[in-house]
C-alpha atoms as a PDB file:
ATOM      1  CA  MET A   1      -9.098 -12.323   9.090  1.00  0.00           C
ATOM      2  CA  THR A   2      -6.222 -13.133   6.759  1.00  0.00           C
ATOM      3  CA  HIS A   3      -6.425 -13.519   3.017  1.00  0.00           C
ATOM      4  CA  GLY A   4      -3.978 -16.383   3.172  1.00  0.00           C
ATOM      5  CA  GLY A   5      -0.940 -17.403   5.145  1.00  0.00           C
ATOM      6  CA  HIS A   6      -0.499 -16.532   8.790  1.00  0.00           C
ATOM      7  CA  ALA A   7      -0.591 -12.749   9.028  1.00  0.00           C
ATOM      8  CA  SER A   8      -2.447  -9.678   7.946  1.00  0.00           C
ATOM      9  CA  VAL A   9      -2.839  -6.089   9.031  1.00  0.00           C
ATOM     10  CA  ARG A  10      -5.958  -4.065   9.639  1.00  0.00           C
ATOM     11  CA  ILE A  11      -6.019  -0.293   9.409  1.00  0.00           C
ATOM     12  CA  GLN A  12      -9.161   1.205  10.851  1.00  0.00           C
ATOM     13  CA  ASN A  13     -10.314   4.779  11.477  1.00  0.00           C
ATOM     14  CA  THR A  14      -7.044   6.583  10.783  1.00  0.00           C
ATOM     15  CA  GLY A  15      -8.301   9.989  11.834  1.00  0.00           C
ATOM     16  CA  GLN A  16     -10.972  10.884   9.273  1.00  0.00           C
ATOM     17  CA  GLY A  17      -8.635  13.058   7.176  1.00  0.00           C
ATOM     18  CA  ASP A  18      -6.678  14.656  10.012  1.00  0.00           C
ATOM     19  CA  PRO A  19      -3.276  15.327   8.351  1.00  0.00           C
ATOM     20  CA  GLU A  20      -1.402  15.014  11.639  1.00  0.00           C
ATOM     21  CA  ASN A  21      -2.918  11.705  12.729  1.00  0.00           C
ATOM     22  CA  GLY A  22      -4.832  10.443   9.724  1.00  0.00           C
ATOM     23  CA  HIS A  23      -2.301   8.173   8.038  1.00  0.00           C
ATOM     24  CA  GLY A  24      -2.079   4.415   8.301  1.00  0.00           C
ATOM     25  CA  ARG A  25       1.301   3.287   6.998  1.00  0.00           C
ATOM     26  CA  LEU A  26       3.058  -0.038   6.726  1.00  0.00           C
ATOM     27  CA  TYR A  27       6.805  -0.366   6.358  1.00  0.00           C
ATOM     28  CA  GLN A  28       8.795  -3.404   5.369  1.00  0.00           C
ATOM     29  CA  GLU A  29      12.480  -3.651   4.600  1.00  0.00           C
ATOM     30  CA  VAL A  30      13.169  -5.767   1.513  1.00  0.00           C
ATOM     31  CA  ARG A  31      16.697  -6.590   0.443  1.00  0.00           C
ATOM     32  CA  VAL A  32      17.087  -6.749  -3.312  1.00  0.00           C
ATOM     33  CA  ILE A  33      19.844  -7.354  -5.835  1.00  0.00           C
ATOM     34  CA  PRO A  34      20.618  -4.367  -8.098  1.00  0.00           C
ATOM     35  CA  PHE A  35      19.595  -4.508 -11.760  1.00  0.00           C
ATOM     36  CA  ARG A  36      16.844  -7.084 -11.219  1.00  0.00           C
ATOM     37  CA  ALA A  37      13.120  -6.754 -11.811  1.00  0.00           C
ATOM     38  CA  TYR A  38      10.811  -7.262  -8.850  1.00  0.00           C
ATOM     39  CA  GLU A  39       7.065  -7.475  -8.474  1.00  0.00           C
ATOM     40  CA  PHE A  40       5.436  -6.514  -5.199  1.00  0.00           C
ATOM     41  CA  SER A  41       1.821  -7.277  -4.482  1.00  0.00           C
ATOM     42  CA  VAL A  42      -0.717  -6.725  -1.783  1.00  0.00           C
ATOM     43  CA  TRP A  43      -4.212  -8.084  -1.197  1.00  0.00           C
ATOM     44  CA  ILE A  44      -6.672  -5.381  -0.167  1.00  0.00           C
ATOM     45  CA  LYS A  45     -10.151  -5.781   1.269  1.00  0.00           C
ATOM     46  CA  THR A  46     -12.182  -2.678   2.072  1.00  0.00           C
ATOM     47  CA  ARG A  47     -15.378  -1.750   3.810  1.00  0.00           C
ATOM     48  CA  ASP A  48     -16.743   1.797   3.716  1.00  0.00           C
ATOM     49  CA  LEU A  49     -13.396   3.311   2.661  1.00  0.00           C
ATOM     50  CA  THR A  50     -14.095   7.027   2.267  1.00  0.00           C
ATOM     51  CA  ASP A  51     -11.121   8.070   0.105  1.00  0.00           C
ATOM     52  CA  THR A  52     -10.213   5.239  -2.267  1.00  0.00           C
ATOM     53  CA  GLY A  53      -7.484   7.293  -3.952  1.00  0.00           C
ATOM     54  CA  THR A  54      -5.272   7.358  -0.874  1.00  0.00           C
ATOM     55  CA  VAL A  55      -4.049   3.734  -0.924  1.00  0.00           C
ATOM     56  CA  LYS A  56      -0.540   3.829  -2.426  1.00  0.00           C
ATOM     57  CA  PHE A  57       2.696   1.898  -2.910  1.00  0.00           C
ATOM     58  CA  TYR A  58       5.846   3.910  -2.237  1.00  0.00           C
ATOM     59  CA  PHE A  59       9.391   2.498  -2.386  1.00  0.00           C
ATOM     60  CA  GLU A  60      12.415   4.326  -1.039  1.00  0.00           C
ATOM     61  CA  GLY A  61      16.099   3.667  -1.520  1.00  0.00           C
ATOM     62  CA  ALA A  62      18.310   2.209   1.200  1.00  0.00           C
ATOM     63  CA  ASP A  63      19.240   5.631   2.571  1.00  0.00           C
ATOM     64  CA  GLY A  64      15.664   6.589   3.395  1.00  0.00           C
ATOM     65  CA  GLY A  65      14.356   8.005   0.180  1.00  0.00           C
ATOM     66  CA  GLN A  66      17.144   8.947  -2.178  1.00  0.00           C
ATOM     67  CA  PRO A  67      16.729   7.827  -4.796  1.00  0.00           C
ATOM     68  CA  LEU A  68      12.997   7.336  -4.792  1.00  0.00           C
ATOM     69  CA  VAL A  69      12.612   3.902  -6.349  1.00  0.00           C
ATOM     70  CA  TYR A  70       8.896   3.877  -7.140  1.00  0.00           C
ATOM     71  CA  ASP A  71       5.934   6.071  -6.374  1.00  0.00           C
ATOM     72  CA  ASN A  72       2.487   5.347  -7.732  1.00  0.00           C
ATOM     73  CA  ARG A  73       0.904   8.358  -6.072  1.00  0.00           C
ATOM     74  CA  GLU A  74       0.000   9.691  -9.500  1.00  0.00           C
ATOM     75  CA  GLN A  75      -0.732   6.392 -11.283  1.00  0.00           C
ATOM     76  CA  GLY A  76      -2.713   4.660  -8.543  1.00  0.00           C
ATOM     77  CA  LEU A  77      -2.532   0.897  -8.156  1.00  0.00           C
ATOM     78  CA  GLY A  78      -3.369   0.101 -11.770  1.00  0.00           C
ATOM     79  CA  ALA A  79      -6.965  -0.778 -10.937  1.00  0.00           C
ATOM     80  CA  PRO A  80      -9.484   1.162  -8.907  1.00  0.00           C
ATOM     81  CA  ILE A  81     -10.101   0.382  -5.270  1.00  0.00           C
ATOM     82  CA  ALA A  82     -13.773   0.299  -4.366  1.00  0.00           C
ATOM     83  CA  ALA A  83     -15.122   1.730  -1.133  1.00  0.00           C
ATOM     84  CA  THR A  84     -16.285  -1.775  -0.262  1.00  0.00           C
ATOM     85  CA  GLN A  85     -14.723  -4.788  -1.974  1.00  0.00           C
ATOM     86  CA  ASP A  86     -13.681  -8.354  -1.267  1.00  0.00           C
ATOM     87  CA  TRP A  87     -10.004  -9.372  -1.344  1.00  0.00           C
ATOM     88  CA  THR A  88      -8.406  -7.977  -4.508  1.00  0.00           C
ATOM     89  CA  ARG A  89      -4.745  -8.337  -5.543  1.00  0.00           C
ATOM     90  CA  TYR A  90      -2.780  -5.257  -6.599  1.00  0.00           C
ATOM     91  CA  SER A  91       0.774  -5.447  -7.971  1.00  0.00           C
ATOM     92  CA  VAL A  92       3.530  -3.078  -8.981  1.00  0.00           C
END
C-alpha cells in the first residue's frame, strides 16, 4: 500500500492516547549542507484518525536536539489533516 516508489510505513493503533505507549514515530537521518534551504515532504493517508492535530514534523540538530532545527508542533503541517483522507502531500 505505497503511494509511490517501493516503500511506505503504516502506523496503526498506537495506544489510544496512552502517553507511555501511544506514540508512533519515524526517524530518518538526513545529511545536509549548512546554509542551504531544504524542503521535506511526506504523503499521508488516514482512516478514522482520532486526533488529527498530533501528526507533526520535528527536526533535530546533529547532536540529538540542540539546536532544534524545526518544530511545527504549534503551526501544524500547513493544511489540515482529515480523520479520513486519501493520499495528501504535506511539506515543510
